[in-house]
Amino acid sequence: QVQLEESGGGWVQAGGSLRLSCAASQRTFSSYAMGWFRQAPGKEREFVALITSTGSSIVHADSVKGRFTISRDNAKNTVYLQMNSLKPEDTAVYYCALTPRGGTTPRDYDYWGQGTQVTVSS
């Protein structure tokens, strides 16, 4: 059973930055692609970013491109999401997830963290 634990969420003013971390219990973490998703109240879960197992390929959603950056440290079993130039519309619960297949939809992912709240005030 894989366990994922996010941290780093919080409250920030518009234009500010936060870095989310997601620690995985899986010993073969380096074999899997990882993704970040977010879900705002009353909305569907939305893809944010994906990084392949080695970090050789990265995808960011258009809504965050140029502001957010996904990265990973396989030695620490951790994936990160650096969020800069935050906007009020970025307010959501952010989830990390693990996939053996890759993809940008929630159904592509087998394991999820519990989520961390990010609130951006205007």
C-alpha atoms as a PDB file:
ATOM      1  CA  GLN A   1       0.000   0.000   0.000  1.00  0.00           C
ATOM      2  CA  VAL A   2       1.384   3.376  -1.024  1.00  0.00           C
ATOM      3  CA  GLN A   3       1.002   6.315   1.305  1.00  0.00           C
ATOM      4  CA  LEU A   4       1.368   9.889   0.094  1.00  0.00           C
ATOM      5  CA  GLU A   5       1.505  12.848   2.440  1.00  0.00           C
ATOM      6  CA  GLU A   6       1.337  16.452   1.264  1.00  0.00           C
ATOM      7  CA  SER A   7       2.626  19.433   3.202  1.00  0.00           C
ATOM      8  CA  GLY A   8       3.353  23.088   2.614  1.00  0.00           C
ATOM      9  CA  GLY A   9      -0.116  24.467   2.062  1.00  0.00           C
ATOM     10  CA  GLY A  10      -1.374  27.586   3.768  1.00  0.00           C
ATOM     11  CA  TRP A  11      -2.575  31.131   3.304  1.00  0.00           C
ATOM     12  CA  VAL A  12      -0.807  33.628   1.081  1.00  0.00           C
ATOM     13  CA  GLN A  13      -1.586  36.969  -0.518  1.00  0.00           C
ATOM     14  CA  ALA A  14      -1.968  37.252  -4.275  1.00  0.00           C
ATOM     15  CA  GLY A  15       1.416  37.408  -5.954  1.00  0.00           C
ATOM     16  CA  GLY A  16       3.036  35.311  -3.252  1.00  0.00           C
ATOM     17  CA  SER A  17       4.639  31.882  -3.388  1.00  0.00           C
ATOM     18  CA  LEU A  18       4.292  28.512  -1.733  1.00  0.00           C
ATOM     19  CA  ARG A  19       6.086  25.200  -2.181  1.00  0.00           C
ATOM     20  CA  LEU A  20       4.143  22.015  -1.703  1.00  0.00           C
ATOM     21  CA  SER A  21       5.845  18.737  -0.900  1.00  0.00           C
ATOM     22  CA  CYS A  22       4.562  15.194  -1.190  1.00  0.00           C
ATOM     23  CA  ALA A  23       6.419  12.379   0.561  1.00  0.00           C
ATOM     24  CA  ALA A  24       5.811   8.815  -0.603  1.00  0.00           C
ATOM     25  CA  SER A  25       6.192   5.624   1.386  1.00  0.00           C
ATOM     26  CA  GLN A  26       6.683   3.545  -1.736  1.00  0.00           C
ATOM     27  CA  ARG A  27      10.206   2.124  -1.949  1.00  0.00           C
ATOM     28  CA  THR A  28       9.927   2.004  -5.730  1.00  0.00           C
ATOM     29  CA  PHE A  29       8.823   5.644  -5.902  1.00  0.00           C
ATOM     30  CA  SER A  30      11.407   6.323  -8.591  1.00  0.00           C
ATOM     31  CA  SER A  31       9.607   3.915 -10.937  1.00  0.00           C
ATOM     32  CA  TYR A  32       6.379   5.928 -11.062  1.00  0.00           C
ATOM     33  CA  ALA A  33       5.165   9.157 -12.551  1.00  0.00           C
ATOM     34  CA  MET A  34       3.663  11.638 -10.126  1.00  0.00           C
ATOM     35  CA  GLY A  35       1.036  14.285 -10.525  1.00  0.00           C
ATOM     36  CA  TRP A  36      -0.519  17.229  -8.747  1.00  0.00           C
ATOM     37  CA  PHE A  37      -4.220  17.987  -8.907  1.00  0.00           C
ATOM     38  CA  ARG A  38      -6.424  20.554  -7.209  1.00  0.00           C
ATOM     39  CA  GLN A  39     -10.056  20.847  -6.310  1.00  0.00           C
ATOM     40  CA  ALA A  40     -11.894  24.024  -5.454  1.00  0.00           C
ATOM     41  CA  PRO A  41     -15.274  23.969  -3.660  1.00  0.00           C
ATOM     42  CA  GLY A  42     -18.063  22.945  -6.010  1.00  0.00           C
ATOM     43  CA  LYS A  43     -15.665  22.117  -8.837  1.00  0.00           C
ATOM     44  CA  GLU A  44     -14.224  18.933 -10.283  1.00  0.00           C
ATOM     45  CA  ARG A  45     -10.697  17.810  -9.507  1.00  0.00           C
ATOM     46  CA  GLU A  46      -8.376  19.526 -11.957  1.00  0.00           C
ATOM     47  CA  PHE A  47      -4.999  18.456 -13.343  1.00  0.00           C
ATOM     48  CA  VAL A  48      -2.123  20.762 -12.411  1.00  0.00           C
ATOM     49  CA  ALA A  49       1.160  19.047 -13.313  1.00  0.00           C
ATOM     50  CA  LEU A  50       2.813  15.728 -14.104  1.00  0.00           C
ATOM     51  CA  ILE A  51       6.403  14.529 -13.884  1.00  0.00           C
ATOM     52  CA  THR A  52       7.679  11.230 -15.224  1.00  0.00           C
ATOM     53  CA  SER A  53       9.621   8.755 -13.098  1.00  0.00           C
ATOM     54  CA  THR A  54      13.037  10.156 -13.964  1.00  0.00           C
ATOM     55  CA  GLY A  55      11.897  13.743 -14.310  1.00  0.00           C
ATOM     56  CA  SER A  56      12.776  13.735 -17.993  1.00  0.00           C
ATOM     57  CA  SER A  57       9.314  14.847 -19.030  1.00  0.00           C
ATOM     58  CA  ILE A  58       7.078  17.412 -17.367  1.00  0.00           C
ATOM     59  CA  VAL A  59       3.610  18.687 -18.203  1.00  0.00           C
ATOM     60  CA  HIS A  60       1.887  21.683 -16.676  1.00  0.00           C
ATOM     61  CA  ALA A  61      -1.714  22.723 -17.147  1.00  0.00           C
ATOM     62  CA  ASP A  62      -2.147  25.881 -19.203  1.00  0.00           C
ATOM     63  CA  SER A  63      -3.690  27.624 -16.202  1.00  0.00           C
ATOM     64  CA  VAL A  64      -0.445  27.338 -14.216  1.00  0.00           C
ATOM     65  CA  LYS A  65       2.180  27.299 -16.950  1.00  0.00           C
ATOM     66  CA  GLY A  66       4.945  29.790 -16.265  1.00  0.00           C
ATOM     67  CA  ARG A  67       3.926  30.145 -12.611  1.00  0.00           C
ATOM     68  CA  PHE A  68       4.073  26.608 -11.168  1.00  0.00           C
ATOM     69  CA  THR A  69       6.903  24.089 -11.455  1.00  0.00           C
ATOM     70  CA  ILE A  70       6.791  20.402 -10.592  1.00  0.00           C
ATOM     71  CA  SER A  71       9.985  18.610  -9.610  1.00  0.00           C
ATOM     72  CA  ARG A  72      11.049  15.497  -7.748  1.00  0.00           C
ATOM     73  CA  ASP A  73      13.882  14.116  -5.655  1.00  0.00           C
ATOM     74  CA  ASN A  74      13.909  10.332  -5.975  1.00  0.00           C
ATOM     75  CA  ALA A  75      16.544   9.973  -3.257  1.00  0.00           C
ATOM     76  CA  LYS A  76      14.019  11.518  -0.840  1.00  0.00           C
ATOM     77  CA  ASN A  77      10.896   9.890  -2.307  1.00  0.00           C
ATOM     78  CA  THR A  78       9.442  13.363  -2.636  1.00  0.00           C
ATOM     79  CA  VAL A  79       7.736  15.395  -5.338  1.00  0.00           C
ATOM     80  CA  TYR A  80       7.386  19.169  -5.153  1.00  0.00           C
ATOM     81  CA  LEU A  81       5.173  21.869  -6.581  1.00  0.00           C
ATOM     82  CA  GLN A  82       6.683  25.348  -6.541  1.00  0.00           C
ATOM     83  CA  MET A  83       3.888  27.888  -6.923  1.00  0.00           C
ATOM     84  CA  ASN A  84       4.760  31.487  -7.762  1.00  0.00           C
ATOM     85  CA  SER A  85       2.645  34.505  -8.670  1.00  0.00           C
ATOM     86  CA  LEU A  86      -0.325  32.954  -6.938  1.00  0.00           C
ATOM     87  CA  LYS A  87      -3.803  34.174  -7.795  1.00  0.00           C
ATOM     88  CA  PRO A  88      -7.074  33.953  -5.842  1.00  0.00           C
ATOM     89  CA  GLU A  89      -8.324  31.450  -8.422  1.00  0.00           C
ATOM     90  CA  ASP A  90      -5.525  29.091  -7.363  1.00  0.00           C
ATOM     91  CA  THR A  91      -7.345  28.598  -4.054  1.00  0.00           C
ATOM     92  CA  ALA A  92      -8.099  24.878  -3.705  1.00  0.00           C
ATOM     93  CA  VAL A  93      -7.159  21.686  -1.954  1.00  0.00           C
ATOM     94  CA  TYR A  94      -4.044  20.347  -3.663  1.00  0.00           C
ATOM     95  CA  TYR A  95      -3.465  16.624  -4.002  1.00  0.00           C
ATOM     96  CA  CYS A  96      -0.464  14.617  -5.097  1.00  0.00           C
ATOM     97  CA  ALA A  97      -1.018  11.291  -6.782  1.00  0.00           C
ATOM     98  CA  LEU A  98       0.955   8.339  -8.139  1.00  0.00           C
ATOM     99  CA  THR A  99       0.421   6.653 -11.472  1.00  0.00           C
ATOM    100  CA  PRO A 100       2.013   3.651 -13.151  1.00  0.00           C
ATOM    101  CA  ARG A 101       0.616   4.852 -16.494  1.00  0.00           C
ATOM    102  CA  GLY A 102       0.987   8.589 -16.700  1.00  0.00           C
ATOM    103  CA  GLY A 103      -1.892  10.784 -17.786  1.00  0.00           C
ATOM    104  CA  THR A 104      -3.694  13.978 -16.880  1.00  0.00           C
ATOM    105  CA  THR A 105      -7.041  12.719 -15.615  1.00  0.00           C
ATOM    106  CA  PRO A 106      -7.786  11.568 -12.061  1.00  0.00           C
ATOM    107  CA  ARG A 107      -8.721   8.070 -13.223  1.00  0.00           C
ATOM    108  CA  ASP A 108      -5.130   7.579 -14.462  1.00  0.00           C
ATOM    109  CA  TYR A 109      -3.887   7.685 -10.851  1.00  0.00           C
ATOM    110  CA  ASP A 110      -4.008   4.819  -8.371  1.00  0.00           C
ATOM    111  CA  TYR A 111      -2.899   6.434  -5.105  1.00  0.00           C
ATOM    112  CA  TRP A 112      -3.728   9.828  -3.610  1.00  0.00           C
ATOM    113  CA  GLY A 113      -2.643  11.913  -0.683  1.00  0.00           C
ATOM    114  CA  GLN A 114      -5.104  13.481   1.744  1.00  0.00           C
ATOM    115  CA  GLY A 115      -4.668  16.949   0.275  1.00  0.00           C
ATOM    116  CA  THR A 116      -3.386  20.263   1.557  1.00  0.00           C
ATOM    117  CA  GLN A 117      -5.325  23.524   1.512  1.00  0.00           C
ATOM    118  CA  VAL A 118      -3.976  26.521  -0.385  1.00  0.00           C
ATOM    119  CA  THR A 119      -5.772  29.821   0.096  1.00  0.00           C
ATOM    120  CA  VAL A 120      -4.823  32.915  -1.890  1.00  0.00           C
ATOM    121  CA  SER A 121      -6.331  36.208  -0.817  1.00  0.00           C
ATOM    122  CA  SER A 122      -6.737  39.218  -3.090  1.00  0.00           C
END
